[in-house]
N, C-alpha and C. Protein backbone atom coordinates (compact mmCIF):
# COMPACT_ATOMS: atom_id res chain seq x y z
N MET A 1 -10.12 -73.08 28.01
CA MET A 1 -9.33 -72.29 28.92
C MET A 1 -7.88 -72.24 28.40
N THR A 2 -7.33 -71.06 28.34
CA THR A 2 -5.95 -70.86 27.91
C THR A 2 -5.02 -71.18 29.07
N ARG A 3 -3.92 -71.85 28.74
CA ARG A 3 -2.95 -72.21 29.77
C ARG A 3 -1.77 -71.24 29.77
N CYS A 4 -1.25 -70.99 30.95
CA CYS A 4 -0.04 -70.18 31.11
C CYS A 4 0.92 -70.94 32.03
N LEU A 5 2.12 -71.18 31.53
CA LEU A 5 3.14 -71.84 32.35
C LEU A 5 3.86 -70.79 33.19
N LEU A 6 4.11 -71.13 34.43
CA LEU A 6 4.83 -70.23 35.33
C LEU A 6 6.29 -70.64 35.35
N ASP A 7 7.16 -69.71 35.00
CA ASP A 7 8.59 -69.96 35.03
C ASP A 7 9.04 -70.07 36.49
N THR A 8 10.18 -70.69 36.69
CA THR A 8 10.71 -70.88 38.04
C THR A 8 10.84 -69.57 38.80
N ASN A 9 11.27 -68.51 38.11
CA ASN A 9 11.46 -67.23 38.80
C ASN A 9 10.15 -66.67 39.34
N ILE A 10 9.05 -66.99 38.71
CA ILE A 10 7.73 -66.56 39.19
C ILE A 10 7.37 -67.34 40.46
N ILE A 11 7.54 -68.65 40.42
CA ILE A 11 7.23 -69.49 41.57
C ILE A 11 8.10 -69.10 42.77
N LEU A 12 9.37 -68.82 42.50
CA LEU A 12 10.27 -68.42 43.59
C LEU A 12 9.83 -67.11 44.22
N ARG A 13 9.51 -66.10 43.41
CA ARG A 13 9.11 -64.80 43.95
C ARG A 13 7.82 -64.92 44.75
N LEU A 14 6.92 -65.77 44.28
CA LEU A 14 5.64 -65.97 44.96
C LEU A 14 5.83 -66.63 46.33
N SER A 15 6.89 -67.39 46.48
CA SER A 15 7.12 -68.10 47.75
C SER A 15 7.83 -67.25 48.80
N GLN A 16 8.30 -66.07 48.42
CA GLN A 16 9.06 -65.21 49.33
C GLN A 16 8.35 -63.87 49.50
N ARG A 17 7.57 -63.74 50.54
CA ARG A 17 6.81 -62.50 50.76
C ARG A 17 7.70 -61.28 50.89
N ASN A 18 8.94 -61.46 51.31
CA ASN A 18 9.85 -60.32 51.45
C ASN A 18 10.61 -60.00 50.17
N ASP A 19 10.35 -60.73 49.10
CA ASP A 19 11.00 -60.44 47.82
C ASP A 19 10.43 -59.14 47.26
N PRO A 20 11.28 -58.26 46.72
CA PRO A 20 10.80 -56.98 46.17
C PRO A 20 9.76 -57.14 45.06
N ARG A 21 9.73 -58.29 44.38
CA ARG A 21 8.79 -58.48 43.27
C ARG A 21 7.57 -59.34 43.66
N TYR A 22 7.48 -59.68 44.93
CA TYR A 22 6.39 -60.54 45.40
C TYR A 22 5.02 -59.98 45.03
N GLN A 23 4.76 -58.72 45.38
CA GLN A 23 3.44 -58.12 45.12
C GLN A 23 3.13 -58.06 43.63
N GLU A 24 4.13 -57.71 42.83
CA GLU A 24 3.95 -57.65 41.38
C GLU A 24 3.58 -59.02 40.81
N VAL A 25 4.30 -60.05 41.25
CA VAL A 25 4.04 -61.40 40.77
C VAL A 25 2.65 -61.86 41.22
N ARG A 26 2.33 -61.64 42.46
CA ARG A 26 1.03 -62.06 42.98
C ARG A 26 -0.11 -61.37 42.23
N ALA A 27 0.04 -60.08 42.00
CA ALA A 27 -1.00 -59.33 41.28
C ALA A 27 -1.13 -59.83 39.84
N SER A 28 -0.01 -60.17 39.21
CA SER A 28 -0.07 -60.66 37.82
C SER A 28 -0.78 -62.01 37.74
N LEU A 29 -0.61 -62.84 38.75
CA LEU A 29 -1.33 -64.12 38.78
C LEU A 29 -2.83 -63.90 38.94
N ARG A 30 -3.20 -62.91 39.74
CA ARG A 30 -4.63 -62.57 39.89
C ARG A 30 -5.21 -62.11 38.55
N VAL A 31 -4.45 -61.32 37.81
CA VAL A 31 -4.92 -60.87 36.49
C VAL A 31 -5.14 -62.07 35.57
N LEU A 32 -4.18 -62.98 35.53
CA LEU A 32 -4.32 -64.15 34.67
C LEU A 32 -5.52 -65.00 35.07
N ARG A 33 -5.72 -65.21 36.35
CA ARG A 33 -6.88 -65.99 36.80
C ARG A 33 -8.19 -65.28 36.43
N SER A 34 -8.20 -63.96 36.55
CA SER A 34 -9.42 -63.21 36.22
C SER A 34 -9.74 -63.29 34.73
N ARG A 35 -8.74 -63.61 33.93
CA ARG A 35 -8.94 -63.76 32.48
C ARG A 35 -9.05 -65.23 32.09
N ASP A 36 -9.35 -66.07 33.06
CA ASP A 36 -9.59 -67.51 32.86
C ASP A 36 -8.39 -68.29 32.33
N PHE A 37 -7.20 -67.91 32.74
CA PHE A 37 -6.02 -68.70 32.41
C PHE A 37 -5.88 -69.82 33.43
N GLU A 38 -5.50 -70.99 32.95
CA GLU A 38 -5.12 -72.08 33.84
C GLU A 38 -3.62 -71.93 34.10
N LEU A 39 -3.23 -71.81 35.34
CA LEU A 39 -1.83 -71.58 35.71
C LEU A 39 -1.16 -72.93 35.97
N CYS A 40 -0.05 -73.16 35.26
CA CYS A 40 0.59 -74.47 35.25
C CYS A 40 2.07 -74.38 35.59
N TYR A 41 2.63 -75.52 35.94
CA TYR A 41 4.07 -75.64 36.15
C TYR A 41 4.51 -77.02 35.66
N ILE A 42 5.81 -77.20 35.49
CA ILE A 42 6.36 -78.50 35.12
C ILE A 42 7.32 -78.94 36.22
N SER A 43 7.62 -80.22 36.25
CA SER A 43 8.48 -80.75 37.32
C SER A 43 9.86 -80.11 37.31
N GLN A 44 10.36 -79.75 36.14
CA GLN A 44 11.66 -79.08 36.07
C GLN A 44 11.65 -77.79 36.88
N CYS A 45 10.58 -77.02 36.77
CA CYS A 45 10.50 -75.75 37.51
C CYS A 45 10.44 -76.00 39.02
N LEU A 46 9.76 -77.06 39.43
CA LEU A 46 9.72 -77.37 40.85
C LEU A 46 11.09 -77.85 41.33
N ALA A 47 11.82 -78.58 40.49
CA ALA A 47 13.18 -79.01 40.85
C ALA A 47 14.11 -77.79 40.97
N GLU A 48 13.99 -76.85 40.05
CA GLU A 48 14.80 -75.62 40.12
C GLU A 48 14.42 -74.81 41.36
N PHE A 49 13.14 -74.77 41.67
CA PHE A 49 12.65 -74.10 42.88
C PHE A 49 13.30 -74.74 44.12
N TRP A 50 13.29 -76.07 44.18
CA TRP A 50 13.87 -76.80 45.31
C TRP A 50 15.36 -76.48 45.43
N ASN A 51 16.04 -76.42 44.32
CA ASN A 51 17.47 -76.11 44.29
C ASN A 51 17.75 -74.75 44.94
N VAL A 52 17.03 -73.73 44.52
CA VAL A 52 17.25 -72.38 45.05
C VAL A 52 16.85 -72.32 46.53
N CYS A 53 15.72 -72.91 46.87
CA CYS A 53 15.24 -72.85 48.26
C CYS A 53 16.20 -73.50 49.24
N THR A 54 16.79 -74.62 48.87
CA THR A 54 17.66 -75.36 49.79
C THR A 54 19.13 -74.98 49.69
N ARG A 55 19.47 -74.14 48.72
CA ARG A 55 20.85 -73.66 48.60
C ARG A 55 21.12 -72.68 49.75
N PRO A 56 22.31 -72.73 50.35
CA PRO A 56 22.62 -71.80 51.45
C PRO A 56 22.41 -70.34 51.04
N ALA A 57 21.91 -69.55 51.96
CA ALA A 57 21.64 -68.13 51.68
C ALA A 57 22.91 -67.39 51.29
N ALA A 58 24.04 -67.81 51.79
CA ALA A 58 25.31 -67.16 51.47
C ALA A 58 25.78 -67.52 50.06
N ALA A 59 25.23 -68.56 49.50
CA ALA A 59 25.63 -68.99 48.16
C ALA A 59 24.75 -68.31 47.11
N ARG A 60 25.22 -68.25 45.93
CA ARG A 60 24.58 -67.65 44.76
C ARG A 60 23.04 -67.66 44.79
N SER A 61 22.46 -66.64 45.34
CA SER A 61 21.00 -66.44 45.34
C SER A 61 20.21 -67.54 46.03
N GLY A 62 20.81 -68.23 46.97
CA GLY A 62 20.08 -69.26 47.69
C GLY A 62 19.16 -68.67 48.75
N TYR A 63 18.13 -69.43 49.12
CA TYR A 63 17.20 -68.99 50.16
C TYR A 63 17.57 -69.55 51.52
N GLY A 64 18.37 -70.61 51.56
CA GLY A 64 18.80 -71.18 52.83
C GLY A 64 17.70 -71.84 53.65
N LEU A 65 16.70 -72.38 52.99
CA LEU A 65 15.58 -73.01 53.69
C LEU A 65 15.88 -74.48 53.98
N SER A 66 15.24 -75.00 54.99
CA SER A 66 15.37 -76.43 55.31
C SER A 66 14.57 -77.25 54.29
N VAL A 67 14.84 -78.54 54.28
CA VAL A 67 14.07 -79.43 53.41
C VAL A 67 12.60 -79.39 53.81
N GLY A 68 12.32 -79.37 55.10
CA GLY A 68 10.93 -79.32 55.57
C GLY A 68 10.20 -78.07 55.11
N GLU A 69 10.83 -76.92 55.23
CA GLU A 69 10.21 -75.66 54.79
C GLU A 69 10.03 -75.65 53.28
N THR A 70 11.03 -76.15 52.57
CA THR A 70 10.94 -76.21 51.10
C THR A 70 9.82 -77.15 50.68
N ASP A 71 9.70 -78.28 51.35
CA ASP A 71 8.63 -79.24 51.05
C ASP A 71 7.27 -78.60 51.28
N TRP A 72 7.11 -77.85 52.38
CA TRP A 72 5.84 -77.18 52.66
C TRP A 72 5.49 -76.21 51.53
N ARG A 73 6.47 -75.44 51.07
CA ARG A 73 6.23 -74.49 49.98
C ARG A 73 5.94 -75.21 48.66
N ALA A 74 6.65 -76.30 48.41
CA ALA A 74 6.41 -77.08 47.19
C ALA A 74 4.99 -77.65 47.19
N ARG A 75 4.54 -78.12 48.33
CA ARG A 75 3.17 -78.66 48.42
C ARG A 75 2.13 -77.57 48.16
N LEU A 76 2.41 -76.37 48.58
CA LEU A 76 1.51 -75.25 48.30
C LEU A 76 1.44 -74.99 46.79
N ILE A 77 2.57 -74.99 46.14
CA ILE A 77 2.61 -74.82 44.68
C ILE A 77 1.79 -75.92 44.01
N GLU A 78 1.98 -77.14 44.48
CA GLU A 78 1.26 -78.28 43.89
C GLU A 78 -0.25 -78.16 44.08
N ARG A 79 -0.68 -77.52 45.15
CA ARG A 79 -2.13 -77.32 45.38
C ARG A 79 -2.69 -76.18 44.54
N LEU A 80 -1.89 -75.14 44.35
CA LEU A 80 -2.39 -73.93 43.69
C LEU A 80 -2.40 -74.02 42.16
N PHE A 81 -1.45 -74.78 41.61
CA PHE A 81 -1.25 -74.78 40.16
C PHE A 81 -1.31 -76.20 39.60
N THR A 82 -1.51 -76.28 38.29
CA THR A 82 -1.65 -77.56 37.60
C THR A 82 -0.29 -78.07 37.13
N LEU A 83 0.04 -79.30 37.53
CA LEU A 83 1.27 -79.94 37.06
C LEU A 83 1.05 -80.52 35.68
N LEU A 84 1.92 -80.17 34.75
CA LEU A 84 1.91 -80.77 33.42
C LEU A 84 2.98 -81.87 33.42
N PRO A 85 2.59 -83.13 33.27
CA PRO A 85 3.53 -84.24 33.45
C PRO A 85 4.59 -84.33 32.35
N ASP A 86 5.71 -84.92 32.73
CA ASP A 86 6.78 -85.19 31.77
C ASP A 86 6.34 -86.32 30.84
N SER A 87 6.96 -86.37 29.66
CA SER A 87 6.62 -87.41 28.70
C SER A 87 7.74 -87.56 27.68
N ARG A 88 7.66 -88.62 26.92
CA ARG A 88 8.62 -88.84 25.83
C ARG A 88 8.48 -87.72 24.80
N GLN A 89 7.27 -87.23 24.60
CA GLN A 89 7.04 -86.16 23.63
C GLN A 89 7.82 -84.90 24.02
N ILE A 90 7.90 -84.60 25.30
CA ILE A 90 8.68 -83.44 25.74
C ILE A 90 10.15 -83.64 25.41
N HIS A 91 10.65 -84.84 25.67
CA HIS A 91 12.04 -85.14 25.34
C HIS A 91 12.30 -84.94 23.85
N ASP A 92 11.42 -85.50 23.03
CA ASP A 92 11.59 -85.39 21.58
C ASP A 92 11.51 -83.94 21.10
N GLN A 93 10.59 -83.17 21.66
CA GLN A 93 10.48 -81.75 21.32
C GLN A 93 11.74 -81.01 21.73
N TRP A 94 12.24 -81.32 22.94
CA TRP A 94 13.46 -80.68 23.44
C TRP A 94 14.63 -80.96 22.51
N ARG A 95 14.79 -82.21 22.11
CA ARG A 95 15.90 -82.57 21.20
C ARG A 95 15.80 -81.77 19.90
N GLN A 96 14.60 -81.65 19.39
CA GLN A 96 14.40 -80.90 18.14
C GLN A 96 14.75 -79.43 18.35
N LEU A 97 14.32 -78.85 19.45
CA LEU A 97 14.56 -77.42 19.71
C LEU A 97 16.04 -77.11 19.94
N VAL A 98 16.75 -77.94 20.70
CA VAL A 98 18.16 -77.62 20.97
C VAL A 98 19.00 -77.69 19.71
N VAL A 99 18.62 -78.54 18.78
CA VAL A 99 19.35 -78.62 17.51
C VAL A 99 18.93 -77.49 16.58
N SER A 100 17.63 -77.32 16.39
CA SER A 100 17.15 -76.32 15.42
C SER A 100 17.45 -74.88 15.83
N HIS A 101 17.56 -74.63 17.14
CA HIS A 101 17.86 -73.28 17.63
C HIS A 101 19.30 -73.13 18.13
N SER A 102 20.13 -74.14 17.89
CA SER A 102 21.55 -74.11 18.30
C SER A 102 21.71 -73.72 19.77
N VAL A 103 20.98 -74.38 20.63
CA VAL A 103 20.98 -74.07 22.05
C VAL A 103 22.22 -74.67 22.71
N MET A 104 22.87 -73.85 23.55
CA MET A 104 24.08 -74.30 24.25
C MET A 104 24.04 -73.87 25.71
N GLY A 105 24.81 -74.57 26.54
CA GLY A 105 24.97 -74.19 27.94
C GLY A 105 23.68 -74.22 28.73
N LEU A 106 23.57 -73.28 29.66
CA LEU A 106 22.41 -73.24 30.56
C LEU A 106 21.09 -73.02 29.83
N GLN A 107 21.15 -72.55 28.60
CA GLN A 107 19.92 -72.31 27.83
C GLN A 107 19.16 -73.59 27.53
N VAL A 108 19.79 -74.75 27.75
CA VAL A 108 19.09 -76.02 27.52
C VAL A 108 17.88 -76.16 28.44
N TYR A 109 17.94 -75.54 29.61
CA TYR A 109 16.82 -75.63 30.56
C TYR A 109 15.63 -74.82 30.07
N ASP A 110 15.89 -73.67 29.48
CA ASP A 110 14.81 -72.88 28.89
C ASP A 110 14.21 -73.61 27.69
N ALA A 111 15.06 -74.30 26.93
CA ALA A 111 14.56 -75.08 25.80
C ALA A 111 13.63 -76.19 26.27
N ARG A 112 13.93 -76.75 27.42
CA ARG A 112 13.06 -77.81 27.95
C ARG A 112 11.71 -77.24 28.37
N ILE A 113 11.71 -76.04 28.90
CA ILE A 113 10.44 -75.37 29.23
C ILE A 113 9.64 -75.15 27.95
N ALA A 114 10.31 -74.65 26.92
CA ALA A 114 9.64 -74.43 25.63
C ALA A 114 9.11 -75.74 25.06
N ALA A 115 9.87 -76.81 25.20
CA ALA A 115 9.44 -78.12 24.71
C ALA A 115 8.20 -78.61 25.45
N ALA A 116 8.19 -78.44 26.76
CA ALA A 116 7.03 -78.86 27.55
C ALA A 116 5.80 -78.05 27.16
N MET A 117 5.99 -76.78 26.92
CA MET A 117 4.87 -75.93 26.51
C MET A 117 4.31 -76.41 25.18
N LYS A 118 5.20 -76.71 24.25
CA LYS A 118 4.77 -77.17 22.94
C LYS A 118 4.04 -78.52 23.05
N ALA A 119 4.59 -79.42 23.83
CA ALA A 119 3.99 -80.75 23.99
C ALA A 119 2.61 -80.69 24.65
N HIS A 120 2.42 -79.74 25.54
CA HIS A 120 1.15 -79.61 26.27
C HIS A 120 0.25 -78.52 25.69
N ALA A 121 0.62 -77.96 24.55
CA ALA A 121 -0.17 -76.91 23.90
C ALA A 121 -0.43 -75.73 24.83
N VAL A 122 0.62 -75.30 25.52
CA VAL A 122 0.55 -74.12 26.39
C VAL A 122 1.03 -72.92 25.58
N SER A 123 0.22 -71.90 25.49
CA SER A 123 0.54 -70.76 24.63
C SER A 123 1.35 -69.67 25.32
N HIS A 124 1.14 -69.47 26.62
CA HIS A 124 1.73 -68.33 27.33
C HIS A 124 2.71 -68.78 28.42
N LEU A 125 3.73 -67.96 28.62
CA LEU A 125 4.71 -68.17 29.68
C LEU A 125 4.83 -66.89 30.47
N LEU A 126 4.64 -66.98 31.79
CA LEU A 126 4.85 -65.83 32.67
C LEU A 126 6.25 -65.95 33.25
N THR A 127 7.08 -64.95 33.00
CA THR A 127 8.48 -64.99 33.43
C THR A 127 9.00 -63.58 33.70
N LEU A 128 10.06 -63.52 34.47
CA LEU A 128 10.77 -62.26 34.69
C LEU A 128 11.93 -62.11 33.71
N ASN A 129 12.16 -63.14 32.90
CA ASN A 129 13.29 -63.14 31.95
C ASN A 129 12.81 -63.36 30.52
N LYS A 130 12.12 -62.40 29.97
CA LYS A 130 11.57 -62.54 28.62
C LYS A 130 12.63 -62.85 27.58
N LYS A 131 13.79 -62.23 27.73
CA LYS A 131 14.84 -62.39 26.71
C LYS A 131 15.29 -63.84 26.56
N ASP A 132 15.13 -64.64 27.61
CA ASP A 132 15.55 -66.04 27.56
C ASP A 132 14.71 -66.87 26.60
N PHE A 133 13.55 -66.36 26.21
CA PHE A 133 12.63 -67.15 25.39
C PHE A 133 12.33 -66.52 24.03
N THR A 134 13.05 -65.48 23.66
CA THR A 134 12.78 -64.81 22.39
C THR A 134 13.03 -65.69 21.18
N ARG A 135 13.87 -66.70 21.31
CA ARG A 135 14.16 -67.58 20.17
C ARG A 135 13.01 -68.53 19.84
N TYR A 136 11.97 -68.54 20.66
CA TYR A 136 10.84 -69.46 20.45
C TYR A 136 9.59 -68.66 20.08
N PRO A 137 9.41 -68.39 18.80
CA PRO A 137 8.29 -67.53 18.37
C PRO A 137 6.91 -68.12 18.65
N GLU A 138 6.83 -69.41 18.87
CA GLU A 138 5.53 -70.04 19.14
C GLU A 138 5.04 -69.80 20.56
N ILE A 139 5.90 -69.21 21.40
CA ILE A 139 5.54 -68.93 22.79
C ILE A 139 5.21 -67.44 22.95
N THR A 140 4.10 -67.16 23.60
CA THR A 140 3.77 -65.79 23.97
C THR A 140 4.35 -65.56 25.36
N VAL A 141 5.42 -64.79 25.42
CA VAL A 141 6.13 -64.56 26.67
C VAL A 141 5.60 -63.28 27.30
N VAL A 142 5.21 -63.39 28.57
CA VAL A 142 4.58 -62.27 29.27
C VAL A 142 5.35 -62.00 30.56
N ALA A 143 5.60 -60.73 30.83
CA ALA A 143 6.22 -60.30 32.08
C ALA A 143 5.14 -59.74 33.00
N PRO A 144 5.29 -59.90 34.30
CA PRO A 144 4.26 -59.39 35.23
C PRO A 144 3.91 -57.92 35.03
N HIS A 145 4.92 -57.08 34.79
CA HIS A 145 4.62 -55.65 34.65
C HIS A 145 3.74 -55.37 33.44
N GLU A 146 3.82 -56.20 32.40
CA GLU A 146 2.96 -56.03 31.23
C GLU A 146 1.50 -56.29 31.59
N LEU A 147 1.28 -57.35 32.34
CA LEU A 147 -0.09 -57.66 32.77
C LEU A 147 -0.68 -56.55 33.61
N LEU A 148 0.14 -56.01 34.49
CA LEU A 148 -0.35 -54.99 35.41
C LEU A 148 -0.58 -53.65 34.72
N SER A 149 0.03 -53.47 33.56
CA SER A 149 -0.21 -52.24 32.79
C SER A 149 -1.32 -52.46 31.76
N GLY A 150 -1.99 -53.62 31.85
CA GLY A 150 -3.10 -53.91 30.94
C GLY A 150 -2.67 -54.41 29.59
N ASN A 151 -1.44 -54.86 29.48
CA ASN A 151 -0.86 -55.26 28.21
C ASN A 151 -0.66 -56.77 28.17
N LEU A 152 -1.70 -57.53 27.80
CA LEU A 152 -1.57 -58.98 27.69
C LEU A 152 -1.43 -59.35 26.23
N PRO A 153 -0.22 -59.76 25.82
CA PRO A 153 -0.03 -60.16 24.42
C PRO A 153 -0.93 -61.36 24.09
N VAL A 154 -1.42 -61.37 22.88
CA VAL A 154 -2.30 -62.47 22.44
C VAL A 154 -1.48 -63.67 22.05
């Protein structure tokens, strides 16, 4: 079974039915499941999810949810998708990637996603921000609209 990691932006859109991209994201996950992909997440993405959910709605793209509501949504994610655990190997891969790709600033978080994918032999990433991962040729980056147009990169 081929694995696909879900970026934080995918998990966030899936948790908000009123999000304009909710239906697109949900449909893209159905396509991946129909093609026997195992849908995965890492703890970093769940931490980023928690950050956005509990940030005040008036603040930079926050959802303004309570800890209880965020916990309920996080538990749903944990039931629906496979957690890929953290490890020393991910740290070592991350260190190698940030140096070899000259990663700076906020891009270190994307490098950690790439490192986790490499450590867990995950080939595909579903994201709304393809450009953030173009520096990692070993990752097949897929956007929901590509899946829905029948365009699944190998």
